[in-house]
Amino acid sequence: MQDLQLLHDGLALMGVGMGFVFVFLTVLVLTTSLMSLVIRRLAPTPPAVQPAAGKGVAPTADRTDDAELMAVISTAVHRYRHRR
């Protein structure tokens, strides 16, 4: 009889604990969602970023770098395949 009572008490304690965790997590999710909604409404919108004119890199430099990068990558792939 005592084992059955201990099992019953254990299950009741487990139910109370799981219920408490469920309620806590539900309140946490609701609070976080509410805070997110309030912040989105009250926060000012960030200003749009304008690209700076005349500060870009010359297109020929990009092509040279890309060609050199492709050569390095091709050499690395060739060496990898040759060793395996």
PDB file of N, CA and C in Angstrom:
ATOM      1  N   MET A   1       0.819  -1.193   0.000  1.00  0.00           N
ATOM      2  CA  MET A   1       0.000   0.000   0.000  1.00  0.00           C
ATOM      3  C   MET A   1       0.857   1.250   0.000  1.00  0.00           C
ATOM      4  N   GLN A   2       1.972   1.195   0.675  1.00  0.00           N
ATOM      5  CA  GLN A   2       2.824   2.374   0.764  1.00  0.00           C
ATOM      6  C   GLN A   2       3.460   2.685  -0.601  1.00  0.00           C
ATOM      7  N   ASP A   3       3.809   1.640  -1.370  1.00  0.00           N
ATOM      8  CA  ASP A   3       4.393   1.859  -2.684  1.00  0.00           C
ATOM      9  C   ASP A   3       3.401   2.545  -3.616  1.00  0.00           C
ATOM     10  N   LEU A   4       2.155   2.154  -3.548  1.00  0.00           N
ATOM     11  CA  LEU A   4       1.125   2.765  -4.373  1.00  0.00           C
ATOM     12  C   LEU A   4       0.917   4.233  -3.995  1.00  0.00           C
ATOM     13  N   GLN A   5       0.972   4.532  -2.708  1.00  0.00           N
ATOM     14  CA  GLN A   5       0.827   5.920  -2.250  1.00  0.00           C
ATOM     15  C   GLN A   5       2.019   6.763  -2.703  1.00  0.00           C
ATOM     16  N   LEU A   6       3.237   6.192  -2.617  1.00  0.00           N
ATOM     17  CA  LEU A   6       4.431   6.919  -3.084  1.00  0.00           C
ATOM     18  C   LEU A   6       4.363   7.186  -4.581  1.00  0.00           C
ATOM     19  N   LEU A   7       3.901   6.210  -5.342  1.00  0.00           N
ATOM     20  CA  LEU A   7       3.755   6.387  -6.787  1.00  0.00           C
ATOM     21  C   LEU A   7       2.730   7.482  -7.085  1.00  0.00           C
ATOM     22  N   HIS A   8       1.636   7.480  -6.381  1.00  0.00           N
ATOM     23  CA  HIS A   8       0.602   8.503  -6.563  1.00  0.00           C
ATOM     24  C   HIS A   8       1.153   9.889  -6.226  1.00  0.00           C
ATOM     25  N   ASP A   9       1.853  10.010  -5.109  1.00  0.00           N
ATOM     26  CA  ASP A   9       2.439  11.294  -4.719  1.00  0.00           C
ATOM     27  C   ASP A   9       3.492  11.759  -5.738  1.00  0.00           C
ATOM     28  N   GLY A  10       4.275  10.821  -6.237  1.00  0.00           N
ATOM     29  CA  GLY A  10       5.286  11.162  -7.244  1.00  0.00           C
ATOM     30  C   GLY A  10       4.663  11.670  -8.527  1.00  0.00           C
ATOM     31  N   LEU A  11       3.598  11.008  -8.967  1.00  0.00           N
ATOM     32  CA  LEU A  11       2.903  11.455 -10.180  1.00  0.00           C
ATOM     33  C   LEU A  11       2.243  12.813  -9.971  1.00  0.00           C
ATOM     34  N   ALA A  12       1.691  13.034  -8.788  1.00  0.00           N
ATOM     35  CA  ALA A  12       1.079  14.340  -8.502  1.00  0.00           C
ATOM     36  C   ALA A  12       2.133  15.441  -8.501  1.00  0.00           C
ATOM     37  N   LEU A  13       3.276  15.156  -7.889  1.00  0.00           N
ATOM     38  CA  LEU A  13       4.358  16.142  -7.870  1.00  0.00           C
ATOM     39  C   LEU A  13       4.875  16.412  -9.280  1.00  0.00           C
ATOM     40  N   MET A  14       4.981  15.363 -10.096  1.00  0.00           N
ATOM     41  CA  MET A  14       5.411  15.538 -11.474  1.00  0.00           C
ATOM     42  C   MET A  14       4.413  16.390 -12.249  1.00  0.00           C
ATOM     43  N   GLY A  15       3.134  16.150 -12.055  1.00  0.00           N
ATOM     44  CA  GLY A  15       2.108  16.943 -12.732  1.00  0.00           C
ATOM     45  C   GLY A  15       2.150  18.402 -12.327  1.00  0.00           C
ATOM     46  N   VAL A  16       2.328  18.649 -11.028  1.00  0.00           N
ATOM     47  CA  VAL A  16       2.420  20.034 -10.557  1.00  0.00           C
ATOM     48  C   VAL A  16       3.657  20.709 -11.143  1.00  0.00           C
ATOM     49  N   GLY A  17       4.777  19.999 -11.145  1.00  0.00           N
ATOM     50  CA  GLY A  17       6.012  20.575 -11.686  1.00  0.00           C
ATOM     51  C   GLY A  17       5.910  20.864 -13.171  1.00  0.00           C
ATOM     52  N   MET A  18       5.374  19.906 -13.924  1.00  0.00           N
ATOM     53  CA  MET A  18       5.229  20.117 -15.360  1.00  0.00           C
ATOM     54  C   MET A  18       4.214  21.218 -15.654  1.00  0.00           C
ATOM     55  N   GLY A  19       3.169  21.298 -14.855  1.00  0.00           N
ATOM     56  CA  GLY A  19       2.196  22.369 -15.032  1.00  0.00           C
ATOM     57  C   GLY A  19       2.802  23.730 -14.758  1.00  0.00           C
ATOM     58  N   PHE A  20       3.618  23.806 -13.724  1.00  0.00           N
ATOM     59  CA  PHE A  20       4.268  25.075 -13.395  1.00  0.00           C
ATOM     60  C   PHE A  20       5.206  25.500 -14.517  1.00  0.00           C
ATOM     61  N   VAL A  21       5.978  24.563 -15.043  1.00  0.00           N
ATOM     62  CA  VAL A  21       6.903  24.881 -16.137  1.00  0.00           C
ATOM     63  C   VAL A  21       6.126  25.311 -17.373  1.00  0.00           C
ATOM     64  N   PHE A  22       5.035  24.626 -17.691  1.00  0.00           N
ATOM     65  CA  PHE A  22       4.226  24.985 -18.847  1.00  0.00           C
ATOM     66  C   PHE A  22       3.652  26.398 -18.702  1.00  0.00           C
ATOM     67  N   VAL A  23       3.113  26.703 -17.537  1.00  0.00           N
ATOM     68  CA  VAL A  23       2.551  28.043 -17.313  1.00  0.00           C
ATOM     69  C   VAL A  23       3.651  29.096 -17.393  1.00  0.00           C
ATOM     70  N   PHE A  24       4.806  28.829 -16.785  1.00  0.00           N
ATOM     71  CA  PHE A  24       5.907  29.786 -16.815  1.00  0.00           C
ATOM     72  C   PHE A  24       6.364  30.049 -18.243  1.00  0.00           C
ATOM     73  N   LEU A  25       6.551  28.994 -19.044  1.00  0.00           N
ATOM     74  CA  LEU A  25       7.000  29.179 -20.420  1.00  0.00           C
ATOM     75  C   LEU A  25       5.952  29.894 -21.262  1.00  0.00           C
ATOM     76  N   THR A  26       4.681  29.620 -21.017  1.00  0.00           N
ATOM     77  CA  THR A  26       3.619  30.323 -21.738  1.00  0.00           C
ATOM     78  C   THR A  26       3.626  31.807 -21.411  1.00  0.00           C
ATOM     79  N   VAL A  27       3.768  32.133 -20.139  1.00  0.00           N
ATOM     80  CA  VAL A  27       3.840  33.545 -19.736  1.00  0.00           C
ATOM     81  C   VAL A  27       5.081  34.198 -20.329  1.00  0.00           C
ATOM     82  N   LEU A  28       6.187  33.486 -20.361  1.00  0.00           N
ATOM     83  CA  LEU A  28       7.428  34.017 -20.929  1.00  0.00           C
ATOM     84  C   LEU A  28       7.267  34.320 -22.413  1.00  0.00           C
ATOM     85  N   VAL A  29       6.661  33.417 -23.168  1.00  0.00           N
ATOM     86  CA  VAL A  29       6.456  33.639 -24.607  1.00  0.00           C
ATOM     87  C   VAL A  29       5.511  34.816 -24.833  1.00  0.00           C
ATOM     88  N   LEU A  30       4.432  34.879 -24.081  1.00  0.00           N
ATOM     89  CA  LEU A  30       3.486  35.990 -24.236  1.00  0.00           C
ATOM     90  C   LEU A  30       4.129  37.322 -23.884  1.00  0.00           C
ATOM     91  N   THR A  31       4.905  37.356 -22.816  1.00  0.00           N
ATOM     92  CA  THR A  31       5.573  38.595 -22.415  1.00  0.00           C
ATOM     93  C   THR A  31       6.583  39.033 -23.468  1.00  0.00           C
ATOM     94  N   THR A  32       7.350  38.087 -23.984  1.00  0.00           N
ATOM     95  CA  THR A  32       8.339  38.429 -25.007  1.00  0.00           C
ATOM     96  C   THR A  32       7.658  38.929 -26.273  1.00  0.00           C
ATOM     97  N   SER A  33       6.568  38.294 -26.673  1.00  0.00           N
ATOM     98  CA  SER A  33       5.838  38.741 -27.865  1.00  0.00           C
ATOM     99  C   SER A  33       5.260  40.136 -27.657  1.00  0.00           C
ATOM    100  N   LEU A  34       4.719  40.380 -26.489  1.00  0.00           N
ATOM    101  CA  LEU A  34       4.159  41.700 -26.193  1.00  0.00           C
ATOM    102  C   LEU A  34       5.250  42.765 -26.193  1.00  0.00           C
ATOM    103  N   MET A  35       6.379  42.460 -25.587  1.00  0.00           N
ATOM    104  CA  MET A  35       7.488  43.423 -25.582  1.00  0.00           C
ATOM    105  C   MET A  35       7.974  43.702 -27.002  1.00  0.00           C
ATOM    106  N   SER A  36       8.045  42.691 -27.836  1.00  0.00           N
ATOM    107  CA  SER A  36       8.466  42.873 -29.217  1.00  0.00           C
ATOM    108  C   SER A  36       7.485  43.768 -29.967  1.00  0.00           C
ATOM    109  N   LEU A  37       6.197  43.561 -29.748  1.00  0.00           N
ATOM    110  CA  LEU A  37       5.185  44.385 -30.397  1.00  0.00           C
ATOM    111  C   LEU A  37       5.285  45.840 -29.949  1.00  0.00           C
ATOM    112  N   VAL A  38       5.485  46.059 -28.667  1.00  0.00           N
ATOM    113  CA  VAL A  38       5.596  47.427 -28.142  1.00  0.00           C
ATOM    114  C   VAL A  38       6.839  48.112 -28.691  1.00  0.00           C
ATOM    115  N   ILE A  39       7.955  47.402 -28.726  1.00  0.00           N
ATOM    116  CA  ILE A  39       9.197  47.995 -29.224  1.00  0.00           C
ATOM    117  C   ILE A  39       9.068  48.344 -30.701  1.00  0.00           C
ATOM    118  N   ARG A  40       8.444  47.477 -31.492  1.00  0.00           N
ATOM    119  CA  ARG A  40       8.277  47.771 -32.920  1.00  0.00           C
ATOM    120  C   ARG A  40       7.423  49.007 -33.141  1.00  0.00           C
ATOM    121  N   ARG A  41       6.437  49.228 -32.283  1.00  0.00           N
ATOM    122  CA  ARG A  41       5.571  50.396 -32.457  1.00  0.00           C
ATOM    123  C   ARG A  41       6.222  51.685 -31.954  1.00  0.00           C
ATOM    124  N   LEU A  42       7.003  51.592 -30.886  1.00  0.00           N
ATOM    125  CA  LEU A  42       7.569  52.794 -30.288  1.00  0.00           C
ATOM    126  C   LEU A  42       8.934  53.185 -30.850  1.00  0.00           C
ATOM    127  N   ALA A  43       9.678  52.246 -31.365  1.00  0.00           N
ATOM    128  CA  ALA A  43      11.027  52.530 -31.845  1.00  0.00           C
ATOM    129  C   ALA A  43      10.963  53.304 -33.157  1.00  0.00           C
ATOM    130  N   PRO A  44      11.823  54.297 -33.309  1.00  0.00           N
ATOM    131  CA  PRO A  44      11.836  55.037 -34.583  1.00  0.00           C
ATOM    132  C   PRO A  44      12.433  54.168 -35.686  1.00  0.00           C
ATOM    133  N   THR A  45      12.007  54.438 -36.901  1.00  0.00           N
ATOM    134  CA  THR A  45      12.545  53.678 -38.029  1.00  0.00           C
ATOM    135  C   THR A  45      13.957  54.175 -38.323  1.00  0.00           C
ATOM    136  N   PRO A  46      14.881  53.294 -38.623  1.00  0.00           N
ATOM    137  CA  PRO A  46      16.248  53.727 -38.904  1.00  0.00           C
ATOM    138  C   PRO A  46      16.308  54.473 -40.226  1.00  0.00           C
ATOM    139  N   PRO A  47      17.172  55.474 -40.314  1.00  0.00           N
ATOM    140  CA  PRO A  47      17.278  56.228 -41.564  1.00  0.00           C
ATOM    141  C   PRO A  47      17.863  55.343 -42.670  1.00  0.00           C
ATOM    142  N   ALA A  48      17.443  55.642 -43.891  1.00  0.00           N
ATOM    143  CA  ALA A  48      17.940  54.871 -45.035  1.00  0.00           C
ATOM    144  C   ALA A  48      19.395  55.247 -45.294  1.00  0.00           C
ATOM    145  N   VAL A  49      20.199  54.257 -45.582  1.00  0.00           N
ATOM    146  CA  VAL A  49      21.620  54.488 -45.849  1.00  0.00           C
ATOM    147  C   VAL A  49      21.792  54.798 -47.321  1.00  0.00           C
ATOM    148  N   GLN A  50      22.399  55.941 -47.597  1.00  0.00           N
ATOM    149  CA  GLN A  50      22.667  56.356 -48.967  1.00  0.00           C
ATOM    150  C   GLN A  50      24.058  55.897 -49.367  1.00  0.00           C
ATOM    151  N   PRO A  51      24.207  55.246 -50.519  1.00  0.00           N
ATOM    152  CA  PRO A  51      25.546  54.839 -50.946  1.00  0.00           C
ATOM    153  C   PRO A  51      26.383  56.064 -51.293  1.00  0.00           C
ATOM    154  N   ALA A  52      27.635  56.023 -50.905  1.00  0.00           N
ATOM    155  CA  ALA A  52      28.532  57.142 -51.173  1.00  0.00           C
ATOM    156  C   ALA A  52      28.910  57.148 -52.649  1.00  0.00           C
ATOM    157  N   ALA A  53      28.790  58.307 -53.276  1.00  0.00           N
ATOM    158  CA  ALA A  53      29.104  58.425 -54.701  1.00  0.00           C
ATOM    159  C   ALA A  53      30.601  58.665 -54.878  1.00  0.00           C
ATOM    160  N   GLY A  54      31.200  58.016 -55.869  1.00  0.00           N
ATOM    161  CA  GLY A  54      32.599  58.251 -56.189  1.00  0.00           C
ATOM    162  C   GLY A  54      33.584  57.539 -55.282  1.00  0.00           C
ATOM    163  N   LYS A  55      33.146  56.669 -54.403  1.00  0.00           N
ATOM    164  CA  LYS A  55      34.057  55.999 -53.495  1.00  0.00           C
ATOM    165  C   LYS A  55      34.219  54.527 -53.845  1.00  0.00           C
ATOM    166  N   GLY A  56      33.732  54.111 -55.000  1.00  0.00           N
ATOM    167  CA  GLY A  56      33.825  52.718 -55.410  1.00  0.00           C
ATOM    168  C   GLY A  56      35.208  52.394 -55.945  1.00  0.00           C
ATOM    169  N   VAL A  57      35.497  51.111 -56.039  1.00  0.00           N
ATOM    170  CA  VAL A  57      36.769  50.652 -56.577  1.00  0.00           C
ATOM    171  C   VAL A  57      36.641  50.573 -58.081  1.00  0.00           C
ATOM    172  N   ALA A  58      37.714  50.849 -58.764  1.00  0.00           N
ATOM    173  CA  ALA A  58      37.705  50.805 -60.223  1.00  0.00           C
ATOM    174  C   ALA A  58      37.353  49.403 -60.698  1.00  0.00           C
ATOM    175  N   PRO A  59      36.543  49.280 -61.752  1.00  0.00           N
ATOM    176  CA  PRO A  59      36.124  47.967 -62.205  1.00  0.00           C
ATOM    177  C   PRO A  59      37.279  47.112 -62.733  1.00  0.00           C
ATOM    178  N   THR A  60      38.321  47.715 -63.262  1.00  0.00           N
ATOM    179  CA  THR A  60      39.436  46.933 -63.783  1.00  0.00           C
ATOM    180  C   THR A  60      40.181  46.228 -62.664  1.00  0.00           C
ATOM    181  N   ALA A  61      40.254  46.854 -61.494  1.00  0.00           N
ATOM    182  CA  ALA A  61      40.932  46.228 -60.356  1.00  0.00           C
ATOM    183  C   ALA A  61      40.158  44.997 -59.902  1.00  0.00           C
ATOM    184  N   ASP A  62      38.821  45.055 -59.944  1.00  0.00           N
ATOM    185  CA  ASP A  62      38.010  43.902 -59.563  1.00  0.00           C
ATOM    186  C   ASP A  62      38.229  42.736 -60.514  1.00  0.00           C
ATOM    187  N   ARG A  63      38.306  43.036 -61.803  1.00  0.00           N
ATOM    188  CA  ARG A  63      38.502  41.965 -62.783  1.00  0.00           C
ATOM    189  C   ARG A  63      39.864  41.310 -62.618  1.00  0.00           C
ATOM    190  N   THR A  64      40.880  42.102 -62.334  1.00  0.00           N
ATOM    191  CA  THR A  64      42.220  41.544 -62.143  1.00  0.00           C
ATOM    192  C   THR A  64      42.247  40.663 -60.910  1.00  0.00           C
ATOM    193  N   ASP A  65      41.645  41.138 -59.829  1.00  0.00           N
ATOM    194  CA  ASP A  65      41.597  40.343 -58.609  1.00  0.00           C
ATOM    195  C   ASP A  65      40.803  39.053 -58.827  1.00  0.00           C
ATOM    196  N   ASP A  66      39.699  39.142 -59.563  1.00  0.00           N
ATOM    197  CA  ASP A  66      38.896  37.957 -59.828  1.00  0.00           C
ATOM    198  C   ASP A  66      39.659  36.943 -60.673  1.00  0.00           C
ATOM    199  N   ALA A  67      40.387  37.422 -61.667  1.00  0.00           N
ATOM    200  CA  ALA A  67      41.155  36.515 -62.519  1.00  0.00           C
ATOM    201  C   ALA A  67      42.248  35.825 -61.711  1.00  0.00           C
ATOM    202  N   GLU A  68      42.920  36.576 -60.861  1.00  0.00           N
ATOM    203  CA  GLU A  68      43.972  35.997 -60.025  1.00  0.00           C
ATOM    204  C   GLU A  68      43.380  34.989 -59.036  1.00  0.00           C
ATOM    205  N   LEU A  69      42.230  35.331 -58.455  1.00  0.00           N
ATOM    206  CA  LEU A  69      41.565  34.433 -57.523  1.00  0.00           C
ATOM    207  C   LEU A  69      41.144  33.141 -58.219  1.00  0.00           C
ATOM    208  N   MET A  70      40.614  33.252 -59.425  1.00  0.00           N
ATOM    209  CA  MET A  70      40.216  32.058 -60.173  1.00  0.00           C
ATOM    210  C   MET A  70      41.423  31.179 -60.484  1.00  0.00           C
ATOM    211  N   ALA A  71      42.558  31.791 -60.806  1.00  0.00           N
ATOM    212  CA  ALA A  71      43.761  31.020 -61.089  1.00  0.00           C
ATOM    213  C   ALA A  71      44.230  30.279 -59.846  1.00  0.00           C
ATOM    214  N   VAL A  72      44.196  30.923 -58.696  1.00  0.00           N
ATOM    215  CA  VAL A  72      44.619  30.293 -57.445  1.00  0.00           C
ATOM    216  C   VAL A  72      43.681  29.143 -57.085  1.00  0.00           C
ATOM    217  N   ILE A  73      42.393  29.365 -57.227  1.00  0.00           N
ATOM    218  CA  ILE A  73      41.423  28.318 -56.909  1.00  0.00           C
ATOM    219  C   ILE A  73      41.586  27.133 -57.857  1.00  0.00           C
ATOM    220  N   SER A  74      41.761  27.407 -59.142  1.00  0.00           N
ATOM    221  CA  SER A  74      41.940  26.328 -60.117  1.00  0.00           C
ATOM    222  C   SER A  74      43.181  25.506 -59.811  1.00  0.00           C
ATOM    223  N   THR A  75      44.263  26.182 -59.442  1.00  0.00           N
ATOM    224  CA  THR A  75      45.489  25.471 -59.094  1.00  0.00           C
ATOM    225  C   THR A  75      45.284  24.604 -57.853  1.00  0.00           C
ATOM    226  N   ALA A  76      44.600  25.127 -56.860  1.00  0.00           N
ATOM    227  CA  ALA A  76      44.360  24.364 -55.637  1.00  0.00           C
ATOM    228  C   ALA A  76      43.497  23.135 -55.924  1.00  0.00           C
ATOM    229  N   VAL A  77      42.462  23.278 -56.738  1.00  0.00           N
ATOM    230  CA  VAL A  77      41.595  22.145 -57.077  1.00  0.00           C
ATOM    231  C   VAL A  77      42.379  21.100 -57.864  1.00  0.00           C
ATOM    232  N   HIS A  78      43.195  21.565 -58.809  1.00  0.00           N
ATOM    233  CA  HIS A  78      44.002  20.635 -59.598  1.00  0.00           C
ATOM    234  C   HIS A  78      44.953  19.842 -58.704  1.00  0.00           C
ATOM    235  N   ARG A  79      45.628  20.515 -57.777  1.00  0.00           N
ATOM    236  CA  ARG A  79      46.552  19.821 -56.874  1.00  0.00           C
ATOM    237  C   ARG A  79      45.813  18.845 -55.970  1.00  0.00           C
ATOM    238  N   TYR A  80      44.632  19.219 -55.495  1.00  0.00           N
ATOM    239  CA  TYR A  80      43.846  18.339 -54.629  1.00  0.00           C
ATOM    240  C   TYR A  80      43.437  17.077 -55.389  1.00  0.00           C
ATOM    241  N   ARG A  81      42.962  17.258 -56.603  1.00  0.00           N
ATOM    242  CA  ARG A  81      42.534  16.096 -57.395  1.00  0.00           C
ATOM    243  C   ARG A  81      43.715  15.213 -57.790  1.00  0.00           C
ATOM    244  N   HIS A  82      44.850  15.828 -58.035  1.00  0.00           N
ATOM    245  CA  HIS A  82      46.042  15.062 -58.417  1.00  0.00           C
ATOM    246  C   HIS A  82      46.545  14.199 -57.256  1.00  0.00           C
ATOM    247  N   ARG A  83      46.457  14.698 -56.037  1.00  0.00           N
ATOM    248  CA  ARG A  83      46.923  13.946 -54.865  1.00  0.00           C
ATOM    249  C   ARG A  83      45.971  12.829 -54.484  1.00  0.00           C
ATOM    250  N   ARG A  84      44.702  12.965 -54.751  1.00  0.00           N
ATOM    251  CA  ARG A  84      43.719  11.960 -54.345  1.00  0.00           C
ATOM    252  C   ARG A  84      43.519  10.984 -55.445  1.00  0.00           C
TER     253      ARG A  84
END
